[in-house]
Amino acid sequence: MSFENFVQHARRYPNLLSADQREQLATGQSPSALFIGCSDSRVTPSHITGAEPGTLFELRTAGNVVPKYSPDSGSSEMGTIEYAVLQLGIQDIIVCGHSHCGAVTALTIAGRGLDELPALCTWLGTGAQVATEPEDAAVRTESKRHLRSQLDVLREYPFIRDRIESGRLRLHGWFFEIDTGLVYVAPQSAEDEDFLPL
């Protein structure tokens, strides 16, 4: 799809929503979930979830990376998560990893061959990794492991931990297979390795 297609769609967009829908959206948002996903153009949260405008708060980062909580360092990712949980009061957080992830591949091979992308390598933390070869080209195993580690990082955010413990917030790990379109759910227990169909 070309840039011109995007322009044409943007011009048609005002007619895709009714005046009532646009007016309702203008009054504010009340999403029920935060979707943390990869920036990969093949992973489209609203297509995967069927979310309508105003119902899904989105955070997209390379490799669906969640930074460790450090409020004094300030990042847009931490700020987005804080806003979603503390201001919007969302009750569900979905962290969605996916197959065929370039960021996870880069992490797996410890950034080998990516010298021209130093910011990406720093973001992913490739310098702290020992290079290995992916188990398969789709990096399914590595991506699932990576997804679970991002869930662990989120559980360390104090306001998330408090809300999970009090039952006010639920944390979900989803794994989207690009080649099949299927979504799998990450196990809740650290002892369980099986991702089951959603």
Protein backbone atom coordinates (compact mmCIF):
# COMPACT_ATOMS: atom_id res chain seq x y z
CA MET A 1 0.00 0.00 0.00
CA SER A 2 1.44 3.35 -1.03
CA PHE A 3 1.52 6.64 0.82
CA GLU A 4 -1.10 7.93 -1.63
CA ASN A 5 -3.46 5.17 -0.43
CA PHE A 6 -2.99 6.42 3.12
CA VAL A 7 -3.83 9.98 2.01
CA GLN A 8 -6.97 8.84 0.21
CA HIS A 9 -8.15 6.88 3.22
CA ALA A 10 -7.45 9.83 5.55
CA ARG A 11 -9.60 12.01 3.31
CA ARG A 12 -12.46 9.46 3.47
CA TYR A 13 -12.10 8.89 7.21
CA PRO A 14 -14.53 11.62 8.39
CA ASN A 15 -17.30 9.77 6.55
CA LEU A 16 -16.49 6.40 8.12
CA LEU A 17 -17.76 7.51 11.54
CA SER A 18 -21.13 9.07 12.16
CA ALA A 19 -21.40 12.59 13.55
CA ASP A 20 -22.65 11.05 16.81
CA GLN A 21 -19.59 8.79 17.04
CA ARG A 22 -17.19 11.67 16.42
CA GLU A 23 -18.99 13.81 18.99
CA GLN A 24 -18.85 11.01 21.55
CA LEU A 25 -15.10 10.53 20.95
CA ALA A 26 -14.54 14.27 21.35
CA THR A 27 -15.92 14.15 24.91
CA GLY A 28 -13.03 11.94 26.08
CA GLN A 29 -11.80 8.40 26.16
CA SER A 30 -12.49 5.49 28.46
CA PRO A 31 -10.55 2.51 27.14
CA SER A 32 -10.97 -0.76 28.98
CA ALA A 33 -7.50 -2.10 28.20
CA LEU A 34 -3.92 -1.08 27.50
CA PHE A 35 -2.38 -2.99 24.59
CA ILE A 36 1.42 -3.07 24.65
CA GLY A 37 2.65 -4.40 21.36
CA CYS A 38 5.48 -4.30 18.89
CA SER A 39 5.90 -1.49 16.38
CA ASP A 40 5.96 -4.12 13.62
CA SER A 41 3.59 -3.05 10.83
CA ARG A 42 2.19 -6.59 10.59
CA VAL A 43 0.85 -6.48 14.15
CA THR A 44 -2.23 -4.25 14.21
CA PRO A 45 -3.92 -4.13 17.63
CA SER A 46 -7.33 -2.97 16.40
CA HIS A 47 -7.43 -5.71 13.77
CA ILE A 48 -6.39 -8.40 16.24
CA THR A 49 -8.85 -7.28 18.94
CA GLY A 50 -11.65 -5.73 16.87
CA ALA A 51 -11.38 -2.61 19.03
CA GLU A 52 -13.37 0.43 18.04
CA PRO A 53 -11.97 3.96 18.42
CA GLY A 54 -11.74 4.99 22.08
CA THR A 55 -11.79 1.45 23.50
CA LEU A 56 -8.13 0.37 23.39
CA PHE A 57 -5.19 2.43 24.68
CA GLU A 58 -2.06 1.50 22.73
CA LEU A 59 1.66 1.50 23.42
CA ARG A 60 3.85 0.22 20.62
CA THR A 61 7.59 -0.20 20.99
CA ALA A 62 10.30 -2.07 19.13
CA GLY A 63 10.03 -5.62 20.41
CA ASN A 64 7.13 -4.76 22.76
CA VAL A 65 9.83 -3.88 25.29
CA VAL A 66 8.67 -2.64 28.69
CA PRO A 67 11.41 -0.62 30.42
CA LYS A 68 12.15 -1.26 34.07
CA TYR A 69 10.27 1.18 36.29
CA SER A 70 12.43 4.18 37.05
CA PRO A 71 10.21 7.25 37.40
CA ASP A 72 13.15 9.64 37.65
CA SER A 73 14.52 8.61 34.25
CA GLY A 74 11.28 9.43 32.47
CA SER A 75 10.37 7.64 29.27
CA SER A 76 7.31 7.86 27.06
CA GLU A 77 6.71 4.15 27.66
CA MET A 78 6.63 4.48 31.45
CA GLY A 79 4.53 7.64 31.15
CA THR A 80 2.03 5.89 28.89
CA ILE A 81 1.70 2.95 31.28
CA GLU A 82 1.28 5.28 34.29
CA TYR A 83 -1.36 7.33 32.49
CA ALA A 84 -3.31 4.27 31.37
CA VAL A 85 -3.39 2.69 34.82
CA LEU A 86 -3.48 5.68 37.17
CA GLN A 87 -5.42 8.25 35.14
CA LEU A 88 -7.62 6.24 32.78
CA GLY A 89 -8.15 3.41 35.27
CA ILE A 90 -7.83 0.61 32.74
CA GLN A 91 -8.53 -2.81 34.22
CA ASP A 92 -6.64 -5.01 31.76
CA ILE A 93 -3.15 -4.85 30.27
CA ILE A 94 -2.34 -7.00 27.25
CA VAL A 95 1.31 -7.43 26.34
CA CYS A 96 1.40 -8.91 22.85
CA GLY A 97 4.49 -10.51 21.36
CA HIS A 98 4.59 -12.05 17.91
CA SER A 99 6.35 -14.48 15.63
CA HIS A 100 8.85 -13.31 13.01
CA CYS A 101 9.91 -10.42 15.27
CA GLY A 102 12.95 -8.53 14.01
CA ALA A 103 13.63 -7.01 17.42
CA VAL A 104 13.65 -10.40 19.14
CA THR A 105 15.89 -11.74 16.37
CA ALA A 106 18.28 -8.83 17.00
CA LEU A 107 18.19 -9.56 20.73
CA THR A 108 18.83 -13.26 20.14
CA ILE A 109 21.88 -12.64 17.97
CA ALA A 110 23.03 -9.89 20.38
CA GLY A 111 22.80 -7.16 17.76
CA ARG A 112 25.31 -8.81 15.44
CA GLY A 113 25.37 -6.88 12.15
CA LEU A 114 23.33 -3.96 13.49
CA ASP A 115 26.15 -1.47 14.07
CA GLU A 116 24.23 1.20 12.16
CA LEU A 117 21.35 0.96 14.66
CA PRO A 118 22.94 1.86 18.02
CA ALA A 119 19.76 3.33 19.54
CA LEU A 120 17.80 0.17 18.75
CA CYS A 121 20.55 -2.05 20.17
CA THR A 122 20.64 0.04 23.36
CA TRP A 123 16.83 -0.08 23.67
CA LEU A 124 16.81 -3.86 23.27
CA GLY A 125 19.82 -4.37 25.55
CA THR A 126 21.71 -6.43 23.00
CA GLY A 127 25.04 -5.60 24.65
CA ALA A 128 24.08 -7.64 27.70
CA GLN A 129 23.24 -10.72 25.61
CA VAL A 130 25.32 -13.67 24.48
CA ALA A 131 24.67 -14.27 20.79
CA THR A 132 22.88 -17.48 19.86
CA GLU A 133 21.15 -18.64 16.73
CA PRO A 134 17.32 -18.60 16.73
CA GLU A 135 15.67 -22.02 17.08
CA ASP A 136 13.59 -21.28 13.97
CA ALA A 137 13.27 -18.41 11.50
CA ALA A 138 10.01 -17.29 13.11
CA VAL A 139 11.76 -16.92 16.53
CA ARG A 140 8.65 -18.35 18.22
CA THR A 141 10.46 -19.81 21.25
CA GLU A 142 12.60 -16.71 21.77
CA SER A 143 9.62 -14.36 21.30
CA LYS A 144 7.52 -16.24 23.85
CA ARG A 145 10.39 -16.15 26.34
CA HIS A 146 10.82 -12.43 25.66
CA LEU A 147 7.08 -11.81 26.15
CA ARG A 148 7.15 -13.52 29.53
CA SER A 149 10.12 -11.40 30.63
CA GLN A 150 8.22 -8.22 29.70
CA LEU A 151 5.29 -9.39 31.83
CA ASP A 152 7.73 -9.90 34.71
CA VAL A 153 9.04 -6.35 34.27
CA LEU A 154 5.49 -4.94 34.34
CA ARG A 155 4.71 -6.83 37.56
CA GLU A 156 7.56 -4.88 39.20
CA TYR A 157 5.85 -1.50 38.60
CA PRO A 158 4.61 -0.66 42.13
CA PHE A 159 1.20 0.64 41.05
CA ILE A 160 0.66 -2.38 38.79
CA ARG A 161 1.70 -4.84 41.48
CA ASP A 162 -0.65 -3.16 43.98
CA ARG A 163 -3.61 -3.25 41.60
CA ILE A 164 -3.00 -6.87 40.60
CA GLU A 165 -2.82 -7.89 44.27
CA SER A 166 -6.05 -6.03 45.06
CA GLY A 167 -7.87 -7.48 42.04
CA ARG A 168 -8.28 -4.14 40.27
CA LEU A 169 -6.00 -5.00 37.34
CA ARG A 170 -5.39 -8.09 35.23
CA LEU A 171 -2.24 -8.74 33.21
CA HIS A 172 -2.42 -10.83 30.02
CA GLY A 173 0.30 -12.13 27.73
CA TRP A 174 -0.71 -12.77 24.13
CA PHE A 175 1.38 -14.24 21.36
CA PHE A 176 0.31 -13.48 17.78
CA GLU A 177 1.47 -15.80 15.03
CA ILE A 178 1.82 -13.77 11.87
CA ASP A 179 1.78 -16.76 9.53
CA THR A 180 -1.37 -18.36 10.99
CA GLY A 181 -3.24 -15.36 12.43
CA LEU A 182 -3.72 -17.29 15.69
CA VAL A 183 -3.35 -15.74 19.13
CA TYR A 184 -2.04 -17.75 22.08
CA VAL A 185 -2.19 -16.94 25.79
CA ALA A 186 0.91 -16.95 27.98
CA PRO A 187 0.72 -19.22 31.01
CA GLN A 188 0.07 -17.49 34.33
CA SER A 189 2.37 -19.80 36.27
CA ALA A 190 6.15 -19.58 35.93
CA GLU A 191 6.29 -23.40 36.04
CA ASP A 192 3.93 -23.80 33.07
CA GLU A 193 5.55 -23.49 29.64
CA ASP A 194 2.51 -24.04 27.39
CA PHE A 195 0.99 -21.14 25.48
CA LEU A 196 -2.63 -22.14 24.79
CA PRO A 197 -4.97 -20.88 22.04
CA LEU A 198 -6.96 -17.80 23.07
